[in-house]
Amino acid sequence: MYASQLEAYQAVEKTTMSGREIEASVLVSAAIKLKQCQNNWNARERRKKLDEALKYNKLIWTIFQSELVKPENTVPKKLRESLLNLSVFIHKHTFHMMCYPSPDKLSILIHINLSIAAGLRKKPK
C-alpha cells in the first residue's frame, strides 16, 4: 500500500521539479549509492553494488557532458569548460576505481556530486 503511495508522490515530484532540481536530485542519489558502497565495503555483494553505483554516476556525468557541449547550451562558457574538465576527471577516476577499488577513493566522487548538487539548489541571481 505504502509503495504505491510513494511511487505516486515521486511521480508528482518529478513533474514539478525544475531541471536544476532534477540534476541535483540525481547527483545526490548517485552520492548516496557511492556512500552506501563505501560504508558497506566488506559486504558480500560489494563488487556488484560498486559497479552499479559507479556506472550510474558515470551515466549522469556522461549526460551532463552531452548537454554541456551543445551549441545552444546557455551555461556561461567558463563554467561549462570547468564542468567539462570535471566530468573528464570523474570518468578517469571512475575507471581507476573499477580497476583498483578502494573505499577511500569514493570520497572524492561523493564530495564532488554533493558540492555540485548544493550549487544547483541555490537560486540563480
PDB file of N, CA and C in Angstrom:
ATOM      1  N   MET A   1       0.822  -1.189   0.000  1.00  0.00           N
ATOM      2  CA  MET A   1       0.000   0.000   0.000  1.00  0.00           C
ATOM      3  C   MET A   1       0.872   1.262   0.000  1.00  0.00           C
ATOM      4  N   TYR A   2       1.840   1.319   0.924  1.00  0.00           N
ATOM      5  CA  TYR A   2       2.693   2.499   1.008  1.00  0.00           C
ATOM      6  C   TYR A   2       3.572   2.654  -0.220  1.00  0.00           C
ATOM      7  N   ALA A   3       3.967   1.539  -0.829  1.00  0.00           N
ATOM      8  CA  ALA A   3       4.827   1.608  -2.009  1.00  0.00           C
ATOM      9  C   ALA A   3       4.144   2.354  -3.140  1.00  0.00           C
ATOM     10  N   SER A   4       2.871   2.088  -3.363  1.00  0.00           N
ATOM     11  CA  SER A   4       2.160   2.777  -4.448  1.00  0.00           C
ATOM     12  C   SER A   4       1.982   4.262  -4.133  1.00  0.00           C
ATOM     13  N   GLN A   5       1.789   4.591  -2.862  1.00  0.00           N
ATOM     14  CA  GLN A   5       1.676   5.997  -2.471  1.00  0.00           C
ATOM     15  C   GLN A   5       3.005   6.719  -2.679  1.00  0.00           C
ATOM     16  N   LEU A   6       4.085   6.052  -2.338  1.00  0.00           N
ATOM     17  CA  LEU A   6       5.415   6.640  -2.531  1.00  0.00           C
ATOM     18  C   LEU A   6       5.685   6.847  -4.018  1.00  0.00           C
ATOM     19  N   GLU A   7       5.343   5.862  -4.842  1.00  0.00           N
ATOM     20  CA  GLU A   7       5.536   5.997  -6.285  1.00  0.00           C
ATOM     21  C   GLU A   7       4.725   7.158  -6.841  1.00  0.00           C
ATOM     22  N   ALA A   8       3.498   7.332  -6.360  1.00  0.00           N
ATOM     23  CA  ALA A   8       2.657   8.443  -6.817  1.00  0.00           C
ATOM     24  C   ALA A   8       3.281   9.781  -6.412  1.00  0.00           C
ATOM     25  N   TYR A   9       3.783   9.862  -5.188  1.00  0.00           N
ATOM     26  CA  TYR A   9       4.442  11.081  -4.719  1.00  0.00           C
ATOM     27  C   TYR A   9       5.665  11.392  -5.567  1.00  0.00           C
ATOM     28  N   GLN A  10       6.478  10.375  -5.853  1.00  0.00           N
ATOM     29  CA  GLN A  10       7.684  10.583  -6.644  1.00  0.00           C
ATOM     30  C   GLN A  10       7.345  11.025  -8.063  1.00  0.00           C
ATOM     31  N   ALA A  11       6.267  10.484  -8.632  1.00  0.00           N
ATOM     32  CA  ALA A  11       5.858  10.873  -9.983  1.00  0.00           C
ATOM     33  C   ALA A  11       5.448  12.342 -10.021  1.00  0.00           C
ATOM     34  N   VAL A  12       4.693  12.786  -9.009  1.00  0.00           N
ATOM     35  CA  VAL A  12       4.277  14.187  -8.936  1.00  0.00           C
ATOM     36  C   VAL A  12       5.492  15.074  -8.716  1.00  0.00           C
ATOM     37  N   GLU A  13       6.392  14.643  -7.843  1.00  0.00           N
ATOM     38  CA  GLU A  13       7.589  15.428  -7.559  1.00  0.00           C
ATOM     39  C   GLU A  13       8.407  15.642  -8.831  1.00  0.00           C
ATOM     40  N   LYS A  14       8.557  14.603  -9.635  1.00  0.00           N
ATOM     41  CA  LYS A  14       9.344  14.715 -10.859  1.00  0.00           C
ATOM     42  C   LYS A  14       8.708  15.673 -11.853  1.00  0.00           C
ATOM     43  N   THR A  15       7.396  15.720 -11.893  1.00  0.00           N
ATOM     44  CA  THR A  15       6.735  16.599 -12.864  1.00  0.00           C
ATOM     45  C   THR A  15       6.755  18.053 -12.415  1.00  0.00           C
ATOM     46  N   THR A  16       7.004  18.304 -11.129  1.00  0.00           N
ATOM     47  CA  THR A  16       7.008  19.679 -10.634  1.00  0.00           C
ATOM     48  C   THR A  16       8.408  20.223 -10.375  1.00  0.00           C
ATOM     49  N   MET A  17       9.428  19.385 -10.528  1.00  0.00           N
ATOM     50  CA  MET A  17      10.801  19.812 -10.265  1.00  0.00           C
ATOM     51  C   MET A  17      11.375  20.541 -11.478  1.00  0.00           C
ATOM     52  N   SER A  18      12.216  21.531 -11.228  1.00  0.00           N
ATOM     53  CA  SER A  18      12.921  22.217 -12.317  1.00  0.00           C
ATOM     54  C   SER A  18      14.077  21.341 -12.792  1.00  0.00           C
ATOM     55  N   GLY A  19      14.656  21.709 -13.920  1.00  0.00           N
ATOM     56  CA  GLY A  19      15.802  20.971 -14.437  1.00  0.00           C
ATOM     57  C   GLY A  19      16.953  20.943 -13.455  1.00  0.00           C
ATOM     58  N   ARG A  20      17.206  22.077 -12.817  1.00  0.00           N
ATOM     59  CA  ARG A  20      18.282  22.154 -11.828  1.00  0.00           C
ATOM     60  C   ARG A  20      18.000  21.245 -10.637  1.00  0.00           C
ATOM     61  N   GLU A  21      16.743  21.207 -10.190  1.00  0.00           N
ATOM     62  CA  GLU A  21      16.389  20.351  -9.057  1.00  0.00           C
ATOM     63  C   GLU A  21      16.536  18.875  -9.410  1.00  0.00           C
ATOM     64  N   ILE A  22      16.171  18.522 -10.649  1.00  0.00           N
ATOM     65  CA  ILE A  22      16.321  17.130 -11.089  1.00  0.00           C
ATOM     66  C   ILE A  22      17.798  16.765 -11.144  1.00  0.00           C
ATOM     67  N   GLU A  23      18.619  17.638 -11.702  1.00  0.00           N
ATOM     68  CA  GLU A  23      20.058  17.382 -11.768  1.00  0.00           C
ATOM     69  C   GLU A  23      20.640  17.213 -10.369  1.00  0.00           C
ATOM     70  N   ALA A  24      20.252  18.084  -9.454  1.00  0.00           N
ATOM     71  CA  ALA A  24      20.737  17.982  -8.073  1.00  0.00           C
ATOM     72  C   ALA A  24      20.285  16.671  -7.447  1.00  0.00           C
ATOM     73  N   SER A  25      19.055  16.300  -7.699  1.00  0.00           N
ATOM     74  CA  SER A  25      18.498  15.074  -7.134  1.00  0.00           C
ATOM     75  C   SER A  25      19.246  13.830  -7.610  1.00  0.00           C
ATOM     76  N   VAL A  26      19.555  13.753  -8.898  1.00  0.00           N
ATOM     77  CA  VAL A  26      20.260  12.567  -9.388  1.00  0.00           C
ATOM     78  C   VAL A  26      21.712  12.536  -8.897  1.00  0.00           C
ATOM     79  N   LEU A  27      22.320  13.702  -8.737  1.00  0.00           N
ATOM     80  CA  LEU A  27      23.674  13.739  -8.181  1.00  0.00           C
ATOM     81  C   LEU A  27      23.692  13.252  -6.727  1.00  0.00           C
ATOM     82  N   VAL A  28      22.701  13.668  -5.960  1.00  0.00           N
ATOM     83  CA  VAL A  28      22.607  13.214  -4.567  1.00  0.00           C
ATOM     84  C   VAL A  28      22.327  11.713  -4.530  1.00  0.00           C
ATOM     85  N   SER A  29      21.467  11.251  -5.408  1.00  0.00           N
ATOM     86  CA  SER A  29      21.162   9.823  -5.484  1.00  0.00           C
ATOM     87  C   SER A  29      22.427   9.014  -5.779  1.00  0.00           C
ATOM     88  N   ALA A  30      23.235   9.487  -6.712  1.00  0.00           N
ATOM     89  CA  ALA A  30      24.491   8.801  -7.031  1.00  0.00           C
ATOM     90  C   ALA A  30      25.442   8.840  -5.840  1.00  0.00           C
ATOM     91  N   ALA A  31      25.510   9.987  -5.161  1.00  0.00           N
ATOM     92  CA  ALA A  31      26.383  10.103  -3.987  1.00  0.00           C
ATOM     93  C   ALA A  31      25.955   9.125  -2.896  1.00  0.00           C
ATOM     94  N   ILE A  32      24.662   8.966  -2.721  1.00  0.00           N
ATOM     95  CA  ILE A  32      24.150   8.025  -1.712  1.00  0.00           C
ATOM     96  C   ILE A  32      24.544   6.598  -2.067  1.00  0.00           C
ATOM     97  N   LYS A  33      24.395   6.236  -3.333  1.00  0.00           N
ATOM     98  CA  LYS A  33      24.780   4.885  -3.767  1.00  0.00           C
ATOM     99  C   LYS A  33      26.273   4.641  -3.520  1.00  0.00           C
ATOM    100  N   LEU A  34      27.089   5.637  -3.845  1.00  0.00           N
ATOM    101  CA  LEU A  34      28.532   5.515  -3.629  1.00  0.00           C
ATOM    102  C   LEU A  34      28.857   5.429  -2.140  1.00  0.00           C
ATOM    103  N   LYS A  35      28.194   6.245  -1.336  1.00  0.00           N
ATOM    104  CA  LYS A  35      28.425   6.243   0.117  1.00  0.00           C
ATOM    105  C   LYS A  35      28.017   4.912   0.737  1.00  0.00           C
ATOM    106  N   GLN A  36      26.912   4.336   0.254  1.00  0.00           N
ATOM    107  CA  GLN A  36      26.493   3.024   0.772  1.00  0.00           C
ATOM    108  C   GLN A  36      27.548   1.963   0.473  1.00  0.00           C
ATOM    109  N   CYS A  37      28.151   2.039  -0.705  1.00  0.00           N
ATOM    110  CA  CYS A  37      29.237   1.108  -1.037  1.00  0.00           C
ATOM    111  C   CYS A  37      30.424   1.322  -0.099  1.00  0.00           C
ATOM    112  N   GLN A  38      30.750   2.577   0.123  1.00  0.00           N
ATOM    113  CA  GLN A  38      31.875   2.911   0.995  1.00  0.00           C
ATOM    114  C   GLN A  38      31.622   2.414   2.421  1.00  0.00           C
ATOM    115  N   ASN A  39      30.412   2.615   2.906  1.00  0.00           N
ATOM    116  CA  ASN A  39      30.076   2.212   4.276  1.00  0.00           C
ATOM    117  C   ASN A  39      29.950   0.700   4.445  1.00  0.00           C
ATOM    118  N   ASN A  40      29.685  -0.003   3.354  1.00  0.00           N
ATOM    119  CA  ASN A  40      29.492  -1.460   3.411  1.00  0.00           C
ATOM    120  C   ASN A  40      30.536  -2.170   2.553  1.00  0.00           C
ATOM    121  N   TRP A  41      31.764  -1.716   2.664  1.00  0.00           N
ATOM    122  CA  TRP A  41      32.835  -2.185   1.795  1.00  0.00           C
ATOM    123  C   TRP A  41      33.047  -3.694   1.893  1.00  0.00           C
ATOM    124  N   ASN A  42      32.838  -4.263   3.038  1.00  0.00           N
ATOM    125  CA  ASN A  42      33.079  -5.692   3.217  1.00  0.00           C
ATOM    126  C   ASN A  42      31.839  -6.548   2.977  1.00  0.00           C
ATOM    127  N   ALA A  43      30.801  -5.960   2.448  1.00  0.00           N
ATOM    128  CA  ALA A  43      29.573  -6.713   2.167  1.00  0.00           C
ATOM    129  C   ALA A  43      29.832  -7.738   1.071  1.00  0.00           C
ATOM    130  N   ARG A  44      29.051  -8.793   1.094  1.00  0.00           N
ATOM    131  CA  ARG A  44      29.226  -9.889   0.148  1.00  0.00           C
ATOM    132  C   ARG A  44      29.017  -9.440  -1.301  1.00  0.00           C
ATOM    133  N   GLU A  45      28.056  -8.583  -1.550  1.00  0.00           N
ATOM    134  CA  GLU A  45      27.745  -8.141  -2.906  1.00  0.00           C
ATOM    135  C   GLU A  45      28.376  -6.785  -3.233  1.00  0.00           C
ATOM    136  N   ARG A  46      29.455  -6.460  -2.535  1.00  0.00           N
ATOM    137  CA  ARG A  46      30.085  -5.153  -2.737  1.00  0.00           C
ATOM    138  C   ARG A  46      30.467  -4.903  -4.183  1.00  0.00           C
ATOM    139  N   ARG A  47      31.080  -5.840  -4.834  1.00  0.00           N
ATOM    140  CA  ARG A  47      31.559  -5.616  -6.209  1.00  0.00           C
ATOM    141  C   ARG A  47      30.398  -5.272  -7.138  1.00  0.00           C
ATOM    142  N   LYS A  48      29.312  -6.005  -7.009  1.00  0.00           N
ATOM    143  CA  LYS A  48      28.138  -5.758  -7.839  1.00  0.00           C
ATOM    144  C   LYS A  48      27.552  -4.377  -7.551  1.00  0.00           C
ATOM    145  N   LYS A  49      27.382  -4.057  -6.282  1.00  0.00           N
ATOM    146  CA  LYS A  49      26.824  -2.757  -5.887  1.00  0.00           C
ATOM    147  C   LYS A  49      27.755  -1.617  -6.294  1.00  0.00           C
ATOM    148  N   LEU A  50      29.046  -1.827  -6.147  1.00  0.00           N
ATOM    149  CA  LEU A  50      30.013  -0.802  -6.529  1.00  0.00           C
ATOM    150  C   LEU A  50      29.957  -0.551  -8.034  1.00  0.00           C
ATOM    151  N   ASP A  51      29.930  -1.614  -8.813  1.00  0.00           N
ATOM    152  CA  ASP A  51      29.838  -1.455 -10.271  1.00  0.00           C
ATOM    153  C   ASP A  51      28.568  -0.698 -10.653  1.00  0.00           C
ATOM    154  N   GLU A  52      27.454  -1.042 -10.023  1.00  0.00           N
ATOM    155  CA  GLU A  52      26.184  -0.356 -10.305  1.00  0.00           C
ATOM    156  C   GLU A  52      26.279   1.130  -9.960  1.00  0.00           C
ATOM    157  N   ALA A  53      26.835   1.427  -8.793  1.00  0.00           N
ATOM    158  CA  ALA A  53      26.943   2.821  -8.347  1.00  0.00           C
ATOM    159  C   ALA A  53      27.882   3.616  -9.255  1.00  0.00           C
ATOM    160  N   LEU A  54      29.008   3.032  -9.622  1.00  0.00           N
ATOM    161  CA  LEU A  54      29.959   3.720 -10.494  1.00  0.00           C
ATOM    162  C   LEU A  54      29.378   3.938 -11.891  1.00  0.00           C
ATOM    163  N   LYS A  55      28.690   2.942 -12.417  1.00  0.00           N
ATOM    164  CA  LYS A  55      28.077   3.082 -13.745  1.00  0.00           C
ATOM    165  C   LYS A  55      26.972   4.138 -13.735  1.00  0.00           C
ATOM    166  N   TYR A  56      26.195   4.173 -12.658  1.00  0.00           N
ATOM    167  CA  TYR A  56      25.142   5.175 -12.528  1.00  0.00           C
ATOM    168  C   TYR A  56      25.742   6.584 -12.499  1.00  0.00           C
ATOM    169  N   ASN A  57      26.784   6.748 -11.708  1.00  0.00           N
ATOM    170  CA  ASN A  57      27.446   8.047 -11.607  1.00  0.00           C
ATOM    171  C   ASN A  57      28.058   8.447 -12.949  1.00  0.00           C
ATOM    172  N   LYS A  58      28.681   7.493 -13.615  1.00  0.00           N
ATOM    173  CA  LYS A  58      29.295   7.771 -14.919  1.00  0.00           C
ATOM    174  C   LYS A  58      28.229   8.163 -15.941  1.00  0.00           C
ATOM    175  N   LEU A  59      27.090   7.503 -15.891  1.00  0.00           N
ATOM    176  CA  LEU A  59      25.993   7.835 -16.805  1.00  0.00           C
ATOM    177  C   LEU A  59      25.520   9.275 -16.599  1.00  0.00           C
ATOM    178  N   ILE A  60      25.361   9.667 -15.350  1.00  0.00           N
ATOM    179  CA  ILE A  60      24.935  11.043 -15.041  1.00  0.00           C
ATOM    180  C   ILE A  60      25.918  12.042 -15.641  1.00  0.00           C
ATOM    181  N   TRP A  61      27.201  11.816 -15.420  1.00  0.00           N
ATOM    182  CA  TRP A  61      28.217  12.753 -15.906  1.00  0.00           C
ATOM    183  C   TRP A  61      28.354  12.705 -17.425  1.00  0.00           C
ATOM    184  N   THR A  62      28.056  11.574 -18.038  1.00  0.00           N
ATOM    185  CA  THR A  62      28.047  11.487 -19.497  1.00  0.00           C
ATOM    186  C   THR A  62      26.904  12.329 -20.059  1.00  0.00           C
ATOM    187  N   ILE A  63      25.759  12.269 -19.404  1.00  0.00           N
ATOM    188  CA  ILE A  63      24.617  13.089 -19.826  1.00  0.00           C
ATOM    189  C   ILE A  63      24.954  14.568 -19.669  1.00  0.00           C
ATOM    190  N   PHE A  64      25.570  14.930 -18.545  1.00  0.00           N
ATOM    191  CA  PHE A  64      25.992  16.323 -18.356  1.00  0.00           C
ATOM    192  C   PHE A  64      26.927  16.757 -19.482  1.00  0.00           C
ATOM    193  N   GLN A  65      27.900  15.906 -19.804  1.00  0.00           N
ATOM    194  CA  GLN A  65      28.842  16.228 -20.881  1.00  0.00           C
ATOM    195  C   GLN A  65      28.101  16.493 -22.189  1.00  0.00           C
ATOM    196  N   SER A  66      27.181  15.607 -22.522  1.00  0.00           N
ATOM    197  CA  SER A  66      26.483  15.758 -23.799  1.00  0.00           C
ATOM    198  C   SER A  66      25.651  17.038 -23.844  1.00  0.00           C
ATOM    199  N   GLU A  67      25.122  17.453 -22.708  1.00  0.00           N
ATOM    200  CA  GLU A  67      24.355  18.709 -22.649  1.00  0.00           C
ATOM    201  C   GLU A  67      25.275  19.928 -22.692  1.00  0.00           C
ATOM    202  N   LEU A  68      26.409  19.817 -22.046  1.00  0.00           N
ATOM    203  CA  LEU A  68      27.337  20.954 -21.978  1.00  0.00           C
ATOM    204  C   LEU A  68      27.987  21.281 -23.312  1.00  0.00           C
ATOM    205  N   VAL A  69      28.121  20.306 -24.198  1.00  0.00           N
ATOM    206  CA  VAL A  69      28.780  20.566 -25.481  1.00  0.00           C
ATOM    207  C   VAL A  69      27.811  21.036 -26.567  1.00  0.00           C
ATOM    208  N   LYS A  70      26.533  21.052 -26.263  1.00  0.00           N
ATOM    209  CA  LYS A  70      25.559  21.519 -27.253  1.00  0.00           C
ATOM    210  C   LYS A  70      25.743  23.019 -27.492  1.00  0.00           C
ATOM    211  N   PRO A  71      25.726  23.440 -28.757  1.00  0.00           N
ATOM    212  CA  PRO A  71      25.916  24.869 -29.072  1.00  0.00           C
ATOM    213  C   PRO A  71      24.859  25.775 -28.430  1.00  0.00           C
ATOM    214  N   GLU A  72      23.660  25.272 -28.238  1.00  0.00           N
ATOM    215  CA  GLU A  72      22.594  26.097 -27.666  1.00  0.00           C
ATOM    216  C   GLU A  72      22.609  26.142 -26.135  1.00  0.00           C
ATOM    217  N   ASN A  73      23.579  25.480 -25.519  1.00  0.00           N
ATOM    218  CA  ASN A  73      23.672  25.488 -24.061  1.00  0.00           C
ATOM    219  C   ASN A  73      23.936  26.915 -23.568  1.00  0.00           C
ATOM    220  N   THR A  74      23.177  27.336 -22.566  1.00  0.00           N
ATOM    221  CA  THR A  74      23.259  28.717 -22.071  1.00  0.00           C
ATOM    222  C   THR A  74      24.169  28.891 -20.852  1.00  0.00           C
ATOM    223  N   VAL A  75      24.774  27.807 -20.396  1.00  0.00           N
ATOM    224  CA  VAL A  75      25.700  27.909 -19.266  1.00  0.00           C
ATOM    225  C   VAL A  75      26.890  28.757 -19.724  1.00  0.00           C
ATOM    226  N   PRO A  76      27.322  29.716 -18.892  1.00  0.00           N
ATOM    227  CA  PRO A  76      28.475  30.546 -19.274  1.00  0.00           C
ATOM    228  C   PRO A  76      29.683  29.685 -19.665  1.00  0.00           C
ATOM    229  N   LYS A  77      30.403  30.157 -20.673  1.00  0.00           N
ATOM    230  CA  LYS A  77      31.497  29.382 -21.266  1.00  0.00           C
ATOM    231  C   LYS A  77      32.511  28.896 -20.234  1.00  0.00           C
ATOM    232  N   LYS A  78      32.945  29.766 -19.355  1.00  0.00           N
ATOM    233  CA  LYS A  78      33.963  29.409 -18.356  1.00  0.00           C
ATOM    234  C   LYS A  78      33.451  28.286 -17.431  1.00  0.00           C
ATOM    235  N   LEU A  79      32.214  28.411 -16.976  1.00  0.00           N
ATOM    236  CA  LEU A  79      31.618  27.382 -16.120  1.00  0.00           C
ATOM    237  C   LEU A  79      31.452  26.076 -16.890  1.00  0.00           C
ATOM    238  N   ARG A  80      31.013  26.182 -18.136  1.00  0.00           N
ATOM    239  CA  ARG A  80      30.843  24.993 -18.978  1.00  0.00           C
ATOM    240  C   ARG A  80      32.177  24.259 -19.133  1.00  0.00           C
ATOM    241  N   GLU A  81      33.250  25.000 -19.396  1.00  0.00           N
ATOM    242  CA  GLU A  81      34.574  24.387 -19.537  1.00  0.00           C
ATOM    243  C   GLU A  81      35.021  23.720 -18.238  1.00  0.00           C
ATOM    244  N   SER A  82      34.761  24.376 -17.124  1.00  0.00           N
ATOM    245  CA  SER A  82      35.130  23.802 -15.821  1.00  0.00           C
ATOM    246  C   SER A  82      34.365  22.508 -15.556  1.00  0.00           C
ATOM    247  N   LEU A  83      33.082  22.516 -15.870  1.00  0.00           N
ATOM    248  CA  LEU A  83      32.268  21.312 -15.658  1.00  0.00           C
ATOM    249  C   LEU A  83      32.692  20.187 -16.599  1.00  0.00           C
ATOM    250  N   LEU A  84      33.053  20.535 -17.823  1.00  0.00           N
ATOM    251  CA  LEU A  84      33.541  19.509 -18.751  1.00  0.00           C
ATOM    252  C   LEU A  84      34.858  18.916 -18.261  1.00  0.00           C
ATOM    253  N   ASN A  85      35.754  19.761 -17.774  1.00  0.00           N
ATOM    254  CA  ASN A  85      37.011  19.263 -17.206  1.00  0.00           C
ATOM    255  C   ASN A  85      36.749  18.372 -15.995  1.00  0.00           C
ATOM    256  N   LEU A  86      35.810  18.772 -15.177  1.00  0.00           N
ATOM    257  CA  LEU A  86      35.443  17.971 -14.009  1.00  0.00           C
ATOM    258  C   LEU A  86      34.872  16.622 -14.448  1.00  0.00           C
ATOM    259  N   SER A  87      34.064  16.620 -15.485  1.00  0.00           N
ATOM    260  CA  SER A  87      33.483  15.362 -15.957  1.00  0.00           C
ATOM    261  C   SER A  87      34.561  14.421 -16.498  1.00  0.00           C
ATOM    262  N   VAL A  88      35.599  14.973 -17.119  1.00  0.00           N
ATOM    263  CA  VAL A  88      36.714  14.142 -17.581  1.00  0.00           C
ATOM    264  C   VAL A  88      37.412  13.513 -16.378  1.00  0.00           C
ATOM    265  N   PHE A  89      37.632  14.304 -15.332  1.00  0.00           N
ATOM    266  CA  PHE A  89      38.239  13.775 -14.106  1.00  0.00           C
ATOM    267  C   PHE A  89      37.367  12.662 -13.521  1.00  0.00           C
ATOM    268  N   ILE A  90      36.053  12.887 -13.468  1.00  0.00           N
ATOM    269  CA  ILE A  90      35.122  11.891 -12.912  1.00  0.00           C
ATOM    270  C   ILE A  90      35.246  10.581 -13.692  1.00  0.00           C
ATOM    271  N   HIS A  91      35.266  10.665 -15.018  1.00  0.00           N
ATOM    272  CA  HIS A  91      35.366   9.454 -15.825  1.00  0.00           C
ATOM    273  C   HIS A  91      36.687   8.724 -15.579  1.00  0.00           C
ATOM    274  N   LYS A  92      37.788   9.451 -15.538  1.00  0.00           N
ATOM    275  CA  LYS A  92      39.087   8.825 -15.294  1.00  0.00           C
ATOM    276  C   LYS A  92      39.122   8.165 -13.914  1.00  0.00           C
ATOM    277  N   HIS A  93      38.621   8.887 -12.930  1.00  0.00           N
ATOM    278  CA  HIS A  93      38.624   8.361 -11.560  1.00  0.00           C
ATOM    279  C   HIS A  93      37.713   7.135 -11.461  1.00  0.00           C
ATOM    280  N   THR A  94      36.605   7.162 -12.154  1.00  0.00           N
ATOM    281  CA  THR A  94      35.671   6.033 -12.132  1.00  0.00           C
ATOM    282  C   THR A  94      36.328   4.786 -12.730  1.00  0.00           C
ATOM    283  N   PHE A  95      36.995   4.944 -13.876  1.00  0.00           N
ATOM    284  CA  PHE A  95      37.677   3.800 -14.482  1.00  0.00           C
ATOM    285  C   PHE A  95      38.790   3.284 -13.575  1.00  0.00           C
ATOM    286  N   HIS A  96      39.489   4.187 -12.926  1.00  0.00           N
ATOM    287  CA  HIS A  96      40.522   3.789 -11.968  1.00  0.00           C
ATOM    288  C   HIS A  96      39.896   2.981 -10.828  1.00  0.00           C
ATOM    289  N   MET A  97      38.761   3.441 -10.328  1.00  0.00           N
ATOM    290  CA  MET A  97      38.055   2.732  -9.247  1.00  0.00           C
ATOM    291  C   MET A  97      37.600   1.343  -9.694  1.00  0.00           C
ATOM    292  N   MET A  98      37.194   1.230 -10.941  1.00  0.00           N
ATOM    293  CA  MET A  98      36.749  -0.073 -11.436  1.00  0.00           C
ATOM    294  C   MET A  98      37.915  -1.066 -11.488  1.00  0.00           C
ATOM    295  N   CYS A  99      39.099  -0.566 -11.785  1.00  0.00           N
ATOM    296  CA  CYS A  99      40.281  -1.428 -11.863  1.00  0.00           C
ATOM    297  C   CYS A  99      40.929  -1.659 -10.499  1.00  0.00           C
ATOM    298  N   TYR A 100      40.953  -0.618  -9.697  1.00  0.00           N
ATOM    299  CA  TYR A 100      41.625  -0.667  -8.390  1.00  0.00           C
ATOM    300  C   TYR A 100      40.691  -0.136  -7.302  1.00  0.00           C
ATOM    301  N   PRO A 101      39.678  -0.916  -6.949  1.00  0.00           N
ATOM    302  CA  PRO A 101      38.690  -0.423  -5.975  1.00  0.00           C
ATOM    303  C   PRO A 101      39.281  -0.196  -4.585  1.00  0.00           C
ATOM    304  N   SER A 102      38.822   0.881  -3.978  1.00  0.00           N
ATOM    305  CA  SER A 102      39.227   1.229  -2.623  1.00  0.00           C
ATOM    306  C   SER A 102      38.144   2.143  -2.039  1.00  0.00           C
ATOM    307  N   PRO A 103      37.720   1.905  -0.810  1.00  0.00           N
ATOM    308  CA  PRO A 103      36.661   2.742  -0.238  1.00  0.00           C
ATOM    309  C   PRO A 103      37.070   4.207  -0.109  1.00  0.00           C
ATOM    310  N   ASP A 104      38.337   4.464   0.154  1.00  0.00           N
ATOM    311  CA  ASP A 104      38.796   5.850   0.314  1.00  0.00           C
ATOM    312  C   ASP A 104      38.665   6.655  -0.976  1.00  0.00           C
ATOM    313  N   LYS A 105      38.836   5.982  -2.103  1.00  0.00           N
ATOM    314  CA  LYS A 105      38.774   6.663  -3.397  1.00  0.00           C
ATOM    315  C   LYS A 105      37.367   7.123  -3.769  1.00  0.00           C
ATOM    316  N   LEU A 106      36.364   6.611  -3.074  1.00  0.00           N
ATOM    317  CA  LEU A 106      34.988   7.023  -3.347  1.00  0.00           C
ATOM    318  C   LEU A 106      34.689   8.411  -2.789  1.00  0.00           C
ATOM    319  N   SER A 107      35.432   8.830  -1.799  1.00  0.00           N
ATOM    320  CA  SER A 107      35.149  10.103  -1.129  1.00  0.00           C
ATOM    321  C   SER A 107      35.134  11.288  -2.087  1.00  0.00           C
ATOM    322  N   ILE A 108      36.067  11.320  -3.022  1.00  0.00           N
ATOM    323  CA  ILE A 108      36.142  12.464  -3.932  1.00  0.00           C
ATOM    324  C   ILE A 108      34.910  12.509  -4.844  1.00  0.00           C
ATOM    325  N   LEU A 109      34.454  11.366  -5.319  1.00  0.00           N
ATOM    326  CA  LEU A 109      33.254  11.335  -6.167  1.00  0.00           C
ATOM    327  C   LEU A 109      32.019  11.781  -5.383  1.00  0.00           C
ATOM    328  N   ILE A 110      31.923  11.314  -4.153  1.00  0.00           N
ATOM    329  CA  ILE A 110      30.803  11.694  -3.294  1.00  0.00           C
ATOM    330  C   ILE A 110      30.830  13.194  -3.041  1.00  0.00           C
ATOM    331  N   HIS A 111      31.994  13.700  -2.696  1.00  0.00           N
ATOM    332  CA  HIS A 111      32.148  15.132  -2.406  1.00  0.00           C
ATOM    333  C   HIS A 111      31.796  15.996  -3.617  1.00  0.00           C
ATOM    334  N   ILE A 112      32.290  15.622  -4.786  1.00  0.00           N
ATOM    335  CA  ILE A 112      32.006  16.394  -5.998  1.00  0.00           C
ATOM    336  C   ILE A 112      30.507  16.413  -6.271  1.00  0.00           C
ATOM    337  N   ASN A 113      29.875  15.262  -6.230  1.00  0.00           N
ATOM    338  CA  ASN A 113      28.435  15.202  -6.508  1.00  0.00           C
ATOM    339  C   ASN A 113      27.636  16.066  -5.540  1.00  0.00           C
ATOM    340  N   LEU A 114      27.952  15.961  -4.260  1.00  0.00           N
ATOM    341  CA  LEU A 114      27.202  16.741  -3.264  1.00  0.00           C
ATOM    342  C   LEU A 114      27.466  18.236  -3.402  1.00  0.00           C
ATOM    343  N   SER A 115      28.692  18.590  -3.747  1.00  0.00           N
ATOM    344  CA  SER A 115      29.021  20.012  -3.927  1.00  0.00           C
ATOM    345  C   SER A 115      28.293  20.598  -5.131  1.00  0.00           C
ATOM    346  N   ILE A 116      28.289  19.883  -6.238  1.00  0.00           N
ATOM    347  CA  ILE A 116      27.589  20.365  -7.440  1.00  0.00           C
ATOM    348  C   ILE A 116      26.087  20.415  -7.169  1.00  0.00           C
ATOM    349  N   ALA A 117      25.558  19.414  -6.493  1.00  0.00           N
ATOM    350  CA  ALA A 117      24.128  19.405  -6.158  1.00  0.00           C
ATOM    351  C   ALA A 117      23.763  20.605  -5.293  1.00  0.00           C
ATOM    352  N   ALA A 118      24.611  20.934  -4.329  1.00  0.00           N
ATOM    353  CA  ALA A 118      24.348  22.092  -3.469  1.00  0.00           C
ATOM    354  C   ALA A 118      24.330  23.374  -4.296  1.00  0.00           C
ATOM    355  N   GLY A 119      25.252  23.484  -5.238  1.00  0.00           N
ATOM    356  CA  GLY A 119      25.283  24.660  -6.115  1.00  0.00           C
ATOM    357  C   GLY A 119      24.042  24.745  -6.989  1.00  0.00           C
ATOM    358  N   LEU A 120      23.582  23.614  -7.469  1.00  0.00           N
ATOM    359  CA  LEU A 120      22.383  23.602  -8.313  1.00  0.00           C
ATOM    360  C   LEU A 120      21.128  23.994  -7.527  1.00  0.00           C
ATOM    361  N   ARG A 121      21.134  23.705  -6.245  1.00  0.00           N
ATOM    362  CA  ARG A 121      19.953  24.002  -5.428  1.00  0.00           C
ATOM    363  C   ARG A 121      19.877  25.468  -4.999  1.00  0.00           C
ATOM    364  N   LYS A 122      20.977  26.187  -5.180  1.00  0.00           N
ATOM    365  CA  LYS A 122      20.951  27.619  -4.873  1.00  0.00           C
ATOM    366  C   LYS A 122      20.157  28.340  -5.959  1.00  0.00           C
ATOM    367  N   LYS A 123      19.457  29.354  -5.566  1.00  0.00           N
ATOM    368  CA  LYS A 123      18.679  30.145  -6.525  1.00  0.00           C
ATOM    369  C   LYS A 123      19.635  30.973  -7.378  1.00  0.00           C
ATOM    370  N   PRO A 124      19.483  30.905  -8.707  1.00  0.00           N
ATOM    371  CA  PRO A 124      20.333  31.753  -9.560  1.00  0.00           C
ATOM    372  C   PRO A 124      20.039  33.223  -9.329  1.00  0.00           C
ATOM    373  N   LYS A 125      21.073  34.047  -9.472  1.00  0.00           N
ATOM    374  CA  LYS A 125      20.904  35.500  -9.246  1.00  0.00           C
ATOM    375  C   LYS A 125      20.222  36.135 -10.419  1.00  0.00           C
TER     376      LYS A 125
END
